[in-house]
C-alpha atoms as a PDB file:
ATOM      1  CA  UNK A   1       4.192  37.192  -2.834  1.00  0.00           C
ATOM      2  CA  UNK A   2       7.094  34.759  -2.775  1.00  0.00           C
ATOM      3  CA  UNK A   3      10.353  35.737  -4.391  1.00  0.00           C
ATOM      4  CA  UNK A   4      11.141  34.182  -7.792  1.00  0.00           C
ATOM      5  CA  UNK A   5      14.841  33.562  -8.531  1.00  0.00           C
ATOM      6  CA  UNK A   6      16.918  32.204 -11.423  1.00  0.00           C
ATOM      7  CA  UNK A   7      18.334  28.731 -10.708  1.00  0.00           C
ATOM      8  CA  UNK A   8      20.254  26.008 -12.523  1.00  0.00           C
ATOM      9  CA  UNK A   9      19.030  22.406 -12.307  1.00  0.00           C
ATOM     10  CA  UNK A  10      21.766  20.162 -10.836  1.00  0.00           C
ATOM     11  CA  UNK A  11      20.566  17.209 -12.965  1.00  0.00           C
ATOM     12  CA  UNK A  12      20.166  18.603 -16.487  1.00  0.00           C
ATOM     13  CA  UNK A  13      21.933  21.984 -16.073  1.00  0.00           C
ATOM     14  CA  UNK A  14      18.973  23.910 -17.511  1.00  0.00           C
ATOM     15  CA  UNK A  15      18.218  27.366 -16.184  1.00  0.00           C
ATOM     16  CA  UNK A  16      14.753  27.910 -14.698  1.00  0.00           C
ATOM     17  CA  UNK A  17      12.814  30.367 -12.579  1.00  0.00           C
ATOM     18  CA  UNK A  18      11.416  29.158  -9.277  1.00  0.00           C
ATOM     19  CA  UNK A  19      10.634  30.050  -5.722  1.00  0.00           C
ATOM     20  CA  UNK A  20      13.461  29.708  -3.223  1.00  0.00           C
ATOM     21  CA  UNK A  21      12.711  26.123  -2.143  1.00  0.00           C
ATOM     22  CA  UNK A  22      12.659  24.440  -5.555  1.00  0.00           C
ATOM     23  CA  UNK A  23      15.957  22.770  -6.487  1.00  0.00           C
ATOM     24  CA  UNK A  24      15.143  20.913  -9.728  1.00  0.00           C
ATOM     25  CA  UNK A  25      13.604  22.267 -12.929  1.00  0.00           C
ATOM     26  CA  UNK A  26      10.972  19.512 -13.220  1.00  0.00           C
ATOM     27  CA  UNK A  27       9.425  16.589 -11.401  1.00  0.00           C
ATOM     28  CA  UNK A  28      11.291  14.179 -13.672  1.00  0.00           C
ATOM     29  CA  UNK A  29      14.661  15.701 -12.651  1.00  0.00           C
ATOM     30  CA  UNK A  30      13.640  15.567  -8.974  1.00  0.00           C
ATOM     31  CA  UNK A  31      12.616  11.908  -9.355  1.00  0.00           C
ATOM     32  CA  UNK A  32      15.867  11.113 -11.149  1.00  0.00           C
ATOM     33  CA  UNK A  33      17.920  12.711  -8.352  1.00  0.00           C
ATOM     34  CA  UNK A  34      15.907  10.886  -5.669  1.00  0.00           C
ATOM     35  CA  UNK A  35      16.435   7.566  -7.443  1.00  0.00           C
ATOM     36  CA  UNK A  36      20.171   8.232  -7.799  1.00  0.00           C
ATOM     37  CA  UNK A  37      20.462   8.951  -4.055  1.00  0.00           C
ATOM     38  CA  UNK A  38      18.606   5.719  -3.279  1.00  0.00           C
ATOM     39  CA  UNK A  39      20.852   3.734  -5.661  1.00  0.00           C
ATOM     40  CA  UNK A  40      23.968   5.217  -4.079  1.00  0.00           C
ATOM     41  CA  UNK A  41      22.753   4.406  -0.589  1.00  0.00           C
ATOM     42  CA  UNK A  42      21.918   0.858  -1.718  1.00  0.00           C
ATOM     43  CA  UNK A  43      25.301   0.402  -3.442  1.00  0.00           C
ATOM     44  CA  UNK A  44      27.200   1.797  -0.451  1.00  0.00           C
ATOM     45  CA  UNK A  45      25.493  -0.834   1.685  1.00  0.00           C
ATOM     46  CA  UNK A  46      24.269   1.519   4.391  1.00  0.00           C
ATOM     47  CA  UNK A  47      22.411  -0.835   6.711  1.00  0.00           C
ATOM     48  CA  UNK A  48      19.788   0.330   9.164  1.00  0.00           C
ATOM     49  CA  UNK A  49      18.267  -1.728  11.939  1.00  0.00           C
ATOM     50  CA  UNK A  50      14.494  -1.860  11.780  1.00  0.00           C
ATOM     51  CA  UNK A  51      11.755  -3.600  13.719  1.00  0.00           C
ATOM     52  CA  UNK A  52       9.378  -5.755  11.682  1.00  0.00           C
ATOM     53  CA  UNK A  53       5.866  -4.273  11.727  1.00  0.00           C
ATOM     54  CA  UNK A  54       4.285  -7.727  11.887  1.00  0.00           C
ATOM     55  CA  UNK A  55       6.335  -9.991  14.168  1.00  0.00           C
ATOM     56  CA  UNK A  56       8.548  -7.416  15.956  1.00  0.00           C
ATOM     57  CA  UNK A  57      11.814  -9.090  14.940  1.00  0.00           C
ATOM     58  CA  UNK A  58      14.832  -6.767  14.507  1.00  0.00           C
ATOM     59  CA  UNK A  59      16.390  -6.936  11.012  1.00  0.00           C
ATOM     60  CA  UNK A  60      18.939  -4.985   8.989  1.00  0.00           C
ATOM     61  CA  UNK A  61      18.177  -3.462   5.610  1.00  0.00           C
ATOM     62  CA  UNK A  62      19.458  -0.898   3.182  1.00  0.00           C
ATOM     63  CA  UNK A  63      16.015  -0.413   1.610  1.00  0.00           C
ATOM     64  CA  UNK A  64      12.658   0.926   2.802  1.00  0.00           C
ATOM     65  CA  UNK A  65      11.387  -2.522   3.778  1.00  0.00           C
ATOM     66  CA  UNK A  66       8.895  -2.638   6.629  1.00  0.00           C
ATOM     67  CA  UNK A  67       9.060  -6.379   7.325  1.00  0.00           C
ATOM     68  CA  UNK A  68      11.737  -8.984   7.973  1.00  0.00           C
ATOM     69  CA  UNK A  69      10.583 -11.634   5.487  1.00  0.00           C
ATOM     70  CA  UNK A  70       8.212 -12.385   2.623  1.00  0.00           C
ATOM     71  CA  UNK A  71       5.641 -14.025   4.912  1.00  0.00           C
ATOM     72  CA  UNK A  72       5.399 -10.933   7.116  1.00  0.00           C
ATOM     73  CA  UNK A  73       5.241  -8.744   4.002  1.00  0.00           C
ATOM     74  CA  UNK A  74       2.265 -10.728   2.690  1.00  0.00           C
ATOM     75  CA  UNK A  75       0.563 -10.531   6.082  1.00  0.00           C
ATOM     76  CA  UNK A  76       1.054  -6.758   6.247  1.00  0.00           C
ATOM     77  CA  UNK A  77      -0.256  -6.312   2.697  1.00  0.00           C
ATOM     78  CA  UNK A  78      -3.373  -8.372   3.421  1.00  0.00           C
ATOM     79  CA  UNK A  79      -3.993  -6.506   6.676  1.00  0.00           C
ATOM     80  CA  UNK A  80      -3.642  -3.140   4.927  1.00  0.00           C
ATOM     81  CA  UNK A  81      -5.994  -4.248   2.161  1.00  0.00           C
ATOM     82  CA  UNK A  82      -8.589  -5.368   4.667  1.00  0.00           C
ATOM     83  CA  UNK A  83      -8.363  -2.059   6.544  1.00  0.00           C
ATOM     84  CA  UNK A  84      -8.709  -0.030   3.344  1.00  0.00           C
ATOM     85  CA  UNK A  85     -11.687  -1.955   2.017  1.00  0.00           C
ATOM     86  CA  UNK A  86     -13.517  -3.819   4.767  1.00  0.00           C
ATOM     87  CA  UNK A  87     -15.802  -6.645   3.694  1.00  0.00           C
ATOM     88  CA  UNK A  88     -18.811  -4.579   4.851  1.00  0.00           C
ATOM     89  CA  UNK A  89     -18.692  -2.705   1.544  1.00  0.00           C
ATOM     90  CA  UNK A  90     -18.771  -6.037  -0.232  1.00  0.00           C
ATOM     91  CA  UNK A  91     -21.965  -7.049   1.518  1.00  0.00           C
ATOM     92  CA  UNK A  92     -23.731  -3.785   0.806  1.00  0.00           C
ATOM     93  CA  UNK A  93     -22.724  -3.413  -2.830  1.00  0.00           C
ATOM     94  CA  UNK A  94     -22.097  -6.831  -4.328  1.00  0.00           C
ATOM     95  CA  UNK A  95     -23.379  -9.800  -2.319  1.00  0.00           C
ATOM     96  CA  UNK A  96     -27.075  -9.310  -3.080  1.00  0.00           C
ATOM     97  CA  UNK A  97     -26.496  -9.422  -6.821  1.00  0.00           C
ATOM     98  CA  UNK A  98     -24.385 -12.612  -7.019  1.00  0.00           C
ATOM     99  CA  UNK A  99     -24.934 -16.208  -5.957  1.00  0.00           C
ATOM    100  CA  UNK A 100     -23.336 -18.033  -3.027  1.00  0.00           C
ATOM    101  CA  UNK A 101     -20.517 -19.621  -5.029  1.00  0.00           C
ATOM    102  CA  UNK A 102     -19.504 -16.332  -6.652  1.00  0.00           C
ATOM    103  CA  UNK A 103     -19.572 -14.526  -3.290  1.00  0.00           C
ATOM    104  CA  UNK A 104     -17.335 -17.119  -1.634  1.00  0.00           C
ATOM    105  CA  UNK A 105     -14.910 -17.107  -4.576  1.00  0.00           C
ATOM    106  CA  UNK A 106     -14.769 -13.298  -4.456  1.00  0.00           C
ATOM    107  CA  UNK A 107     -14.087 -13.278  -0.710  1.00  0.00           C
ATOM    108  CA  UNK A 108     -11.320 -15.858  -1.088  1.00  0.00           C
ATOM    109  CA  UNK A 109      -9.656 -13.983  -3.939  1.00  0.00           C
ATOM    110  CA  UNK A 110     -10.088 -10.383  -2.774  1.00  0.00           C
ATOM    111  CA  UNK A 111      -9.503 -10.791   0.971  1.00  0.00           C
ATOM    112  CA  UNK A 112      -7.189 -13.834   0.870  1.00  0.00           C
ATOM    113  CA  UNK A 113      -9.522 -15.905   3.026  1.00  0.00           C
ATOM    114  CA  UNK A 114      -9.512 -19.677   3.062  1.00  0.00           C
ATOM    115  CA  UNK A 115     -12.676 -21.504   2.028  1.00  0.00           C
ATOM    116  CA  UNK A 116     -13.851 -22.091   5.603  1.00  0.00           C
ATOM    117  CA  UNK A 117     -13.516 -18.406   6.586  1.00  0.00           C
ATOM    118  CA  UNK A 118     -15.191 -17.219   3.388  1.00  0.00           C
ATOM    119  CA  UNK A 119     -18.125 -19.586   3.858  1.00  0.00           C
ATOM    120  CA  UNK A 120     -18.534 -18.542   7.501  1.00  0.00           C
ATOM    121  CA  UNK A 121     -18.565 -14.847   6.565  1.00  0.00           C
ATOM    122  CA  UNK A 122     -21.053 -15.481   3.774  1.00  0.00           C
ATOM    123  CA  UNK A 123     -23.352 -17.567   5.993  1.00  0.00           C
ATOM    124  CA  UNK A 124     -23.266 -14.974   8.789  1.00  0.00           C
ATOM    125  CA  UNK A 125     -24.125 -12.212   6.332  1.00  0.00           C
ATOM    126  CA  UNK A 126     -26.908 -14.277   4.741  1.00  0.00           C
ATOM    127  CA  UNK A 127     -28.479 -15.025   8.146  1.00  0.00           C
ATOM    128  CA  UNK A 128     -28.435 -11.321   9.089  1.00  0.00           C
ATOM    129  CA  UNK A 129     -29.779 -10.358   5.669  1.00  0.00           C
ATOM    130  CA  UNK A 130     -32.686 -12.793   5.951  1.00  0.00           C
ATOM    131  CA  UNK A 131     -33.491 -11.486   9.461  1.00  0.00           C
ATOM    132  CA  UNK A 132     -33.510  -7.890   8.163  1.00  0.00           C
ATOM    133  CA  UNK A 133     -35.863  -8.774   5.302  1.00  0.00           C
ATOM    134  CA  UNK A 134     -38.299 -10.654   7.553  1.00  0.00           C
ATOM    135  CA  UNK A 135     -38.595  -7.756  10.023  1.00  0.00           C
END
């Protein structure tokens, strides 16, 4: 069994009992302290060089940014969304129950596709679906 000790929270100065590793009395105090450290680091202007995850450009930041600019950030977000929820799930769950126009609108909105790409994906799925039914 792990040892329980009396501690004092550095944020609110309340006494609490905890295992050796715990520093703060609650999650809210821990979050407050984490936010204060981040604010201090931001205010002090500590710059770190990072490599953009999209284009590879080197940039300086004092935040947790992963990309050099808004365009790369949007690209990374769209890529992550597509990896998390591939359009295959869309075809299996939704496409059969809605019409062509709704499917294309959904693809454009959800996966940030332009009209041409959305129509191509829909047409390819429809052709495969018709082949599967006729077999």
